[in-house]
Amino acid sequence: MKKKFFTLAISLTSMIALACPTCEKAQPKIFRGITHGAGPDSNWDYLIIAFAALIVCYCTYITILRLIKPDEPDKLPIKNAFIN
């Protein structure tokens, strides 16, 4: 019970502490209210963030796909222990 309460308390306090009013004014419209600090310096920053997000999404997709349906005929790999 204490773990659930602690997790809930941490989640709620992190939502309150997203961005302060000073940082909110410095951010572009799409990041306003989400992050602290200075906003992106140029359009290249948006491109880098989008490319990194694509890599993360692709890696997550491949990881889930390989856990659900492994291509190996051998049943010895450790990942099959999670499936069984």
N, C-alpha and C. Protein backbone atom coordinates (compact mmCIF):
# COMPACT_ATOMS: atom_id res chain seq x y z
N MET A 1 0.83 -1.20 0.00
CA MET A 1 0.00 0.00 0.00
C MET A 1 0.87 1.25 0.00
N LYS A 2 1.98 1.20 0.75
CA LYS A 2 2.86 2.36 0.82
C LYS A 2 3.51 2.64 -0.53
N LYS A 3 3.85 1.57 -1.27
CA LYS A 3 4.47 1.75 -2.58
C LYS A 3 3.51 2.44 -3.55
N LYS A 4 2.25 2.04 -3.51
CA LYS A 4 1.26 2.66 -4.40
C LYS A 4 1.06 4.13 -4.05
N PHE A 5 0.99 4.43 -2.78
CA PHE A 5 0.83 5.82 -2.35
C PHE A 5 2.04 6.66 -2.74
N PHE A 6 3.23 6.11 -2.54
CA PHE A 6 4.46 6.82 -2.89
C PHE A 6 4.53 7.09 -4.39
N THR A 7 4.17 6.09 -5.19
CA THR A 7 4.18 6.26 -6.65
C THR A 7 3.17 7.32 -7.08
N LEU A 8 2.00 7.30 -6.50
CA LEU A 8 0.98 8.29 -6.83
C LEU A 8 1.43 9.69 -6.42
N ALA A 9 2.04 9.82 -5.26
CA ALA A 9 2.50 11.12 -4.79
C ALA A 9 3.59 11.68 -5.70
N ILE A 10 4.53 10.85 -6.10
CA ILE A 10 5.60 11.28 -6.99
C ILE A 10 5.04 11.68 -8.35
N SER A 11 4.09 10.93 -8.86
CA SER A 11 3.49 11.24 -10.16
C SER A 11 2.77 12.58 -10.13
N LEU A 12 2.02 12.83 -9.08
CA LEU A 12 1.28 14.09 -8.99
C LEU A 12 2.20 15.28 -8.82
N THR A 13 3.26 15.14 -8.03
CA THR A 13 4.17 16.27 -7.83
C THR A 13 4.98 16.55 -9.08
N SER A 14 5.27 15.53 -9.88
CA SER A 14 6.02 15.78 -11.11
C SER A 14 5.16 16.53 -12.13
N MET A 15 3.85 16.30 -12.10
CA MET A 15 2.97 17.01 -13.01
C MET A 15 2.86 18.49 -12.64
N ILE A 16 2.97 18.79 -11.37
CA ILE A 16 2.89 20.18 -10.93
C ILE A 16 4.16 20.94 -11.30
N ALA A 17 5.29 20.27 -11.26
CA ALA A 17 6.59 20.91 -11.45
C ALA A 17 7.07 20.85 -12.89
N LEU A 18 6.19 20.97 -13.84
CA LEU A 18 6.63 20.86 -15.23
C LEU A 18 7.38 22.10 -15.71
N ALA A 19 6.83 23.27 -15.58
CA ALA A 19 7.52 24.47 -16.06
C ALA A 19 7.11 25.67 -15.23
N CYS A 20 8.08 26.55 -14.98
CA CYS A 20 7.79 27.77 -14.24
C CYS A 20 7.36 28.87 -15.22
N PRO A 21 6.75 29.95 -14.75
CA PRO A 21 6.27 31.00 -15.65
C PRO A 21 7.38 31.68 -16.46
N THR A 22 8.57 31.80 -15.88
CA THR A 22 9.67 32.43 -16.61
C THR A 22 10.11 31.57 -17.78
N CYS A 23 10.25 30.28 -17.54
CA CYS A 23 10.66 29.37 -18.61
C CYS A 23 9.55 29.22 -19.64
N GLU A 24 8.33 29.33 -19.20
CA GLU A 24 7.20 29.19 -20.12
C GLU A 24 7.21 30.29 -21.18
N LYS A 25 7.64 31.49 -20.80
CA LYS A 25 7.70 32.60 -21.76
C LYS A 25 8.82 32.41 -22.77
N ALA A 26 9.90 31.71 -22.39
CA ALA A 26 11.06 31.54 -23.27
C ALA A 26 10.87 30.39 -24.26
N GLN A 27 9.89 29.54 -24.03
CA GLN A 27 9.69 28.38 -24.88
C GLN A 27 8.83 28.72 -26.09
N PRO A 28 9.04 28.01 -27.20
CA PRO A 28 8.13 28.15 -28.34
C PRO A 28 6.75 27.61 -27.98
N LYS A 29 5.78 27.88 -28.81
CA LYS A 29 4.39 27.56 -28.50
C LYS A 29 4.15 26.07 -28.23
N ILE A 30 4.78 25.18 -28.97
CA ILE A 30 4.51 23.75 -28.80
C ILE A 30 5.14 23.17 -27.54
N PHE A 31 6.20 23.79 -27.00
CA PHE A 31 6.85 23.31 -25.78
C PHE A 31 6.45 24.10 -24.55
N ARG A 32 5.59 25.06 -24.70
CA ARG A 32 5.22 25.92 -23.58
C ARG A 32 4.49 25.12 -22.50
N GLY A 33 4.97 25.26 -21.27
CA GLY A 33 4.35 24.57 -20.15
C GLY A 33 4.86 23.15 -19.94
N ILE A 34 5.79 22.68 -20.76
CA ILE A 34 6.28 21.31 -20.64
C ILE A 34 7.69 21.26 -20.07
N THR A 35 8.58 22.12 -20.57
CA THR A 35 9.99 22.02 -20.21
C THR A 35 10.52 23.30 -19.59
N HIS A 36 11.65 23.16 -18.90
CA HIS A 36 12.37 24.29 -18.34
C HIS A 36 13.50 24.69 -19.26
N GLY A 37 14.02 25.89 -19.07
CA GLY A 37 15.21 26.33 -19.80
C GLY A 37 14.88 27.01 -21.10
N ALA A 38 15.94 27.28 -21.85
CA ALA A 38 15.80 27.95 -23.14
C ALA A 38 15.19 27.00 -24.16
N GLY A 39 14.52 27.55 -25.12
CA GLY A 39 13.93 26.75 -26.18
C GLY A 39 14.95 26.36 -27.22
N PRO A 40 14.53 25.64 -28.24
CA PRO A 40 15.43 25.25 -29.32
C PRO A 40 16.01 26.48 -30.01
N ASP A 41 17.29 26.38 -30.40
CA ASP A 41 17.95 27.51 -31.03
C ASP A 41 17.62 27.65 -32.50
N SER A 42 17.43 26.54 -33.19
CA SER A 42 17.15 26.61 -34.62
C SER A 42 16.22 25.47 -35.02
N ASN A 43 15.90 25.41 -36.29
CA ASN A 43 15.05 24.34 -36.81
C ASN A 43 15.77 23.00 -36.82
N TRP A 44 17.10 23.02 -36.81
CA TRP A 44 17.87 21.77 -36.75
C TRP A 44 17.59 21.02 -35.46
N ASP A 45 17.33 21.74 -34.39
CA ASP A 45 17.02 21.08 -33.12
C ASP A 45 15.74 20.25 -33.22
N TYR A 46 14.75 20.76 -33.91
CA TYR A 46 13.51 20.01 -34.11
C TYR A 46 13.77 18.76 -34.95
N LEU A 47 14.63 18.89 -35.95
CA LEU A 47 14.97 17.75 -36.80
C LEU A 47 15.70 16.67 -36.00
N ILE A 48 16.61 17.08 -35.15
CA ILE A 48 17.35 16.13 -34.32
C ILE A 48 16.40 15.41 -33.36
N ILE A 49 15.50 16.14 -32.73
CA ILE A 49 14.54 15.54 -31.81
C ILE A 49 13.61 14.57 -32.54
N ALA A 50 13.15 14.94 -33.72
CA ALA A 50 12.28 14.06 -34.49
C ALA A 50 13.01 12.78 -34.91
N PHE A 51 14.27 12.91 -35.33
CA PHE A 51 15.05 11.75 -35.74
C PHE A 51 15.30 10.82 -34.54
N ALA A 52 15.61 11.39 -33.39
CA ALA A 52 15.82 10.58 -32.18
C ALA A 52 14.53 9.87 -31.78
N ALA A 53 13.40 10.54 -31.89
CA ALA A 53 12.11 9.93 -31.55
C ALA A 53 11.79 8.78 -32.50
N LEU A 54 12.12 8.93 -33.78
CA LEU A 54 11.91 7.84 -34.74
C LEU A 54 12.77 6.63 -34.40
N ILE A 55 14.01 6.86 -34.02
CA ILE A 55 14.90 5.76 -33.65
C ILE A 55 14.35 5.03 -32.42
N VAL A 56 13.90 5.77 -31.42
CA VAL A 56 13.35 5.16 -30.21
C VAL A 56 12.10 4.35 -30.54
N CYS A 57 11.21 4.90 -31.34
CA CYS A 57 9.99 4.18 -31.71
C CYS A 57 10.31 2.90 -32.49
N TYR A 58 11.25 2.98 -33.42
CA TYR A 58 11.64 1.81 -34.21
C TYR A 58 12.25 0.73 -33.31
N CYS A 59 13.14 1.11 -32.41
CA CYS A 59 13.76 0.14 -31.51
C CYS A 59 12.74 -0.50 -30.58
N THR A 60 11.79 0.28 -30.11
CA THR A 60 10.73 -0.27 -29.25
C THR A 60 9.87 -1.26 -30.03
N TYR A 61 9.53 -0.93 -31.25
CA TYR A 61 8.74 -1.81 -32.11
C TYR A 61 9.47 -3.13 -32.36
N ILE A 62 10.73 -3.06 -32.73
CA ILE A 62 11.51 -4.26 -33.01
C ILE A 62 11.67 -5.12 -31.75
N THR A 63 11.90 -4.48 -30.60
CA THR A 63 12.05 -5.22 -29.35
C THR A 63 10.77 -5.98 -29.01
N ILE A 64 9.64 -5.33 -29.09
CA ILE A 64 8.37 -5.99 -28.79
C ILE A 64 8.08 -7.10 -29.80
N LEU A 65 8.37 -6.84 -31.07
CA LEU A 65 8.15 -7.84 -32.11
C LEU A 65 8.99 -9.08 -31.87
N ARG A 66 10.25 -8.91 -31.50
CA ARG A 66 11.14 -10.06 -31.27
C ARG A 66 10.81 -10.80 -29.98
N LEU A 67 10.24 -10.12 -29.01
CA LEU A 67 9.82 -10.81 -27.79
C LEU A 67 8.56 -11.64 -28.02
N ILE A 68 7.65 -11.10 -28.84
CA ILE A 68 6.40 -11.79 -29.10
C ILE A 68 6.61 -12.97 -30.05
N LYS A 69 7.36 -12.75 -31.11
CA LYS A 69 7.55 -13.78 -32.12
C LYS A 69 9.03 -13.88 -32.48
N PRO A 70 9.80 -14.65 -31.72
CA PRO A 70 11.22 -14.79 -32.03
C PRO A 70 11.42 -15.60 -33.32
N ASP A 71 12.45 -15.26 -34.07
CA ASP A 71 12.72 -15.93 -35.34
C ASP A 71 13.62 -17.15 -35.18
N GLU A 72 14.05 -17.43 -33.98
CA GLU A 72 14.99 -18.52 -33.77
C GLU A 72 14.25 -19.84 -33.56
N PRO A 73 14.66 -20.89 -34.27
CA PRO A 73 14.03 -22.19 -34.06
C PRO A 73 14.48 -22.85 -32.76
N ASP A 74 15.63 -22.45 -32.27
CA ASP A 74 16.16 -23.02 -31.03
C ASP A 74 15.41 -22.45 -29.83
N LYS A 75 15.03 -23.30 -28.91
CA LYS A 75 14.27 -22.85 -27.74
C LYS A 75 15.18 -22.52 -26.55
N LEU A 76 16.49 -22.50 -26.74
CA LEU A 76 17.41 -22.25 -25.64
C LEU A 76 17.64 -20.79 -25.29
N PRO A 77 17.46 -19.82 -26.18
CA PRO A 77 17.75 -18.43 -25.80
C PRO A 77 16.93 -17.97 -24.59
N ILE A 78 17.50 -17.07 -23.83
CA ILE A 78 16.89 -16.62 -22.57
C ILE A 78 15.57 -15.89 -22.80
N LYS A 79 15.39 -15.26 -23.95
CA LYS A 79 14.15 -14.52 -24.17
C LYS A 79 12.94 -15.43 -24.25
N ASN A 80 13.16 -16.71 -24.59
CA ASN A 80 12.05 -17.66 -24.62
C ASN A 80 11.53 -17.98 -23.23
N ALA A 81 12.34 -17.77 -22.21
CA ALA A 81 11.89 -17.98 -20.84
C ALA A 81 10.79 -16.99 -20.47
N PHE A 82 10.84 -15.79 -21.02
CA PHE A 82 9.81 -14.79 -20.74
C PHE A 82 8.51 -15.13 -21.46
N ILE A 83 8.61 -15.71 -22.63
CA ILE A 83 7.42 -16.05 -23.39
C ILE A 83 6.68 -17.21 -22.75
N ASN A 84 7.45 -18.21 -22.27
CA ASN A 84 6.84 -19.38 -21.64
C ASN A 84 6.44 -19.00 -20.24
